[in-house]
């Protein structure tokens, strides 16, 4: 079954460390079949100070494999269409 994913769609994490969390898709990497979801799979990056950035420890999202997410938006639209 093919999963239809679009940037900005609401998804739910179904497995892994962040199981049960929901968020919107920020970025999609179709070649690696991975998705970046807002406030899910947070990692710490230690960055050096530069002219533009102050540096220090920065928290940011990392990619999650698309098999570990479930699209919430599509389920809501399907339920509305099935309604008699």
Protein backbone atom coordinates (compact mmCIF):
# COMPACT_ATOMS: atom_id res chain seq x y z
CA UNK A 1 0.00 0.00 0.00
CA UNK A 2 1.38 3.39 -0.98
CA UNK A 3 1.39 6.14 1.64
CA UNK A 4 0.40 9.58 0.37
CA UNK A 5 2.50 12.18 2.18
CA UNK A 6 2.56 15.94 1.67
CA UNK A 7 4.37 18.74 3.45
CA UNK A 8 2.17 20.19 6.19
CA UNK A 9 0.02 17.04 6.63
CA UNK A 10 -0.73 15.82 10.17
CA UNK A 11 0.81 12.43 11.02
CA UNK A 12 1.05 10.13 14.04
CA UNK A 13 4.13 8.11 15.01
CA UNK A 14 3.17 4.42 15.31
CA UNK A 15 6.50 2.90 16.43
CA UNK A 16 9.82 3.85 17.99
CA UNK A 17 10.93 6.14 20.79
CA UNK A 18 8.26 8.78 20.07
CA UNK A 19 5.33 6.36 19.63
CA UNK A 20 1.94 8.09 19.97
CA UNK A 21 3.15 11.63 19.25
CA UNK A 22 1.55 13.68 16.49
CA UNK A 23 2.88 16.54 14.40
CA UNK A 24 3.03 18.04 10.94
CA UNK A 25 5.46 17.10 8.19
CA UNK A 26 8.26 19.64 7.76
CA UNK A 27 10.37 17.92 5.10
CA UNK A 28 10.22 14.78 2.93
CA UNK A 29 13.17 12.85 1.49
CA UNK A 30 11.59 10.54 -1.10
CA UNK A 31 14.91 8.97 -2.14
CA UNK A 32 15.64 7.67 1.38
CA UNK A 33 11.90 7.23 2.20
CA UNK A 34 12.23 9.41 5.31
CA UNK A 35 10.16 12.24 6.77
CA UNK A 36 10.95 15.04 9.22
CA UNK A 37 8.07 15.68 11.66
CA UNK A 38 7.75 18.77 13.88
CA UNK A 39 8.89 18.16 17.52
CA UNK A 40 9.48 14.41 16.92
CA UNK A 41 12.81 12.52 17.06
CA UNK A 42 14.68 15.48 18.53
CA UNK A 43 18.50 15.34 18.47
CA UNK A 44 21.17 17.58 19.97
CA UNK A 45 23.74 19.23 17.69
CA UNK A 46 26.90 20.83 19.12
CA UNK A 47 27.76 23.76 16.86
CA UNK A 48 30.78 26.05 16.82
CA UNK A 49 30.20 29.79 16.99
CA UNK A 50 30.35 31.63 13.66
CA UNK A 51 29.62 35.17 12.53
CA UNK A 52 25.97 34.24 11.87
CA UNK A 53 25.31 31.74 14.70
CA UNK A 54 26.04 32.01 18.41
CA UNK A 55 26.92 28.30 18.70
CA UNK A 56 26.28 25.89 21.57
CA UNK A 57 23.93 22.92 21.88
CA UNK A 58 20.96 23.11 19.51
CA UNK A 59 17.93 20.76 19.51
CA UNK A 60 16.45 19.96 16.12
CA UNK A 61 14.29 17.35 14.41
CA UNK A 62 15.77 14.31 12.71
CA UNK A 63 14.26 12.10 10.02
CA UNK A 64 11.87 9.19 10.72
CA UNK A 65 11.25 6.36 8.25
CA UNK A 66 7.87 6.68 6.52
CA UNK A 67 6.85 3.14 7.57
CA UNK A 68 6.79 4.37 11.19
CA UNK A 69 4.15 7.06 10.62
CA UNK A 70 0.42 7.09 9.91
CA UNK A 71 -1.34 9.91 8.06
CA UNK A 72 -4.15 11.39 10.20
CA UNK A 73 -5.55 13.85 7.60
CA UNK A 74 -6.50 11.15 5.09
CA UNK A 75 -8.33 9.06 7.70
CA UNK A 76 -10.54 12.03 8.60
CA UNK A 77 -11.46 12.67 4.96
CA UNK A 78 -12.19 8.99 4.28
CA UNK A 79 -14.57 8.83 7.27
CA UNK A 80 -16.47 11.87 5.96
CA UNK A 81 -16.87 10.31 2.50
CA UNK A 82 -18.09 6.95 3.85
CA UNK A 83 -20.76 8.65 5.97
CA UNK A 84 -24.31 8.03 4.60
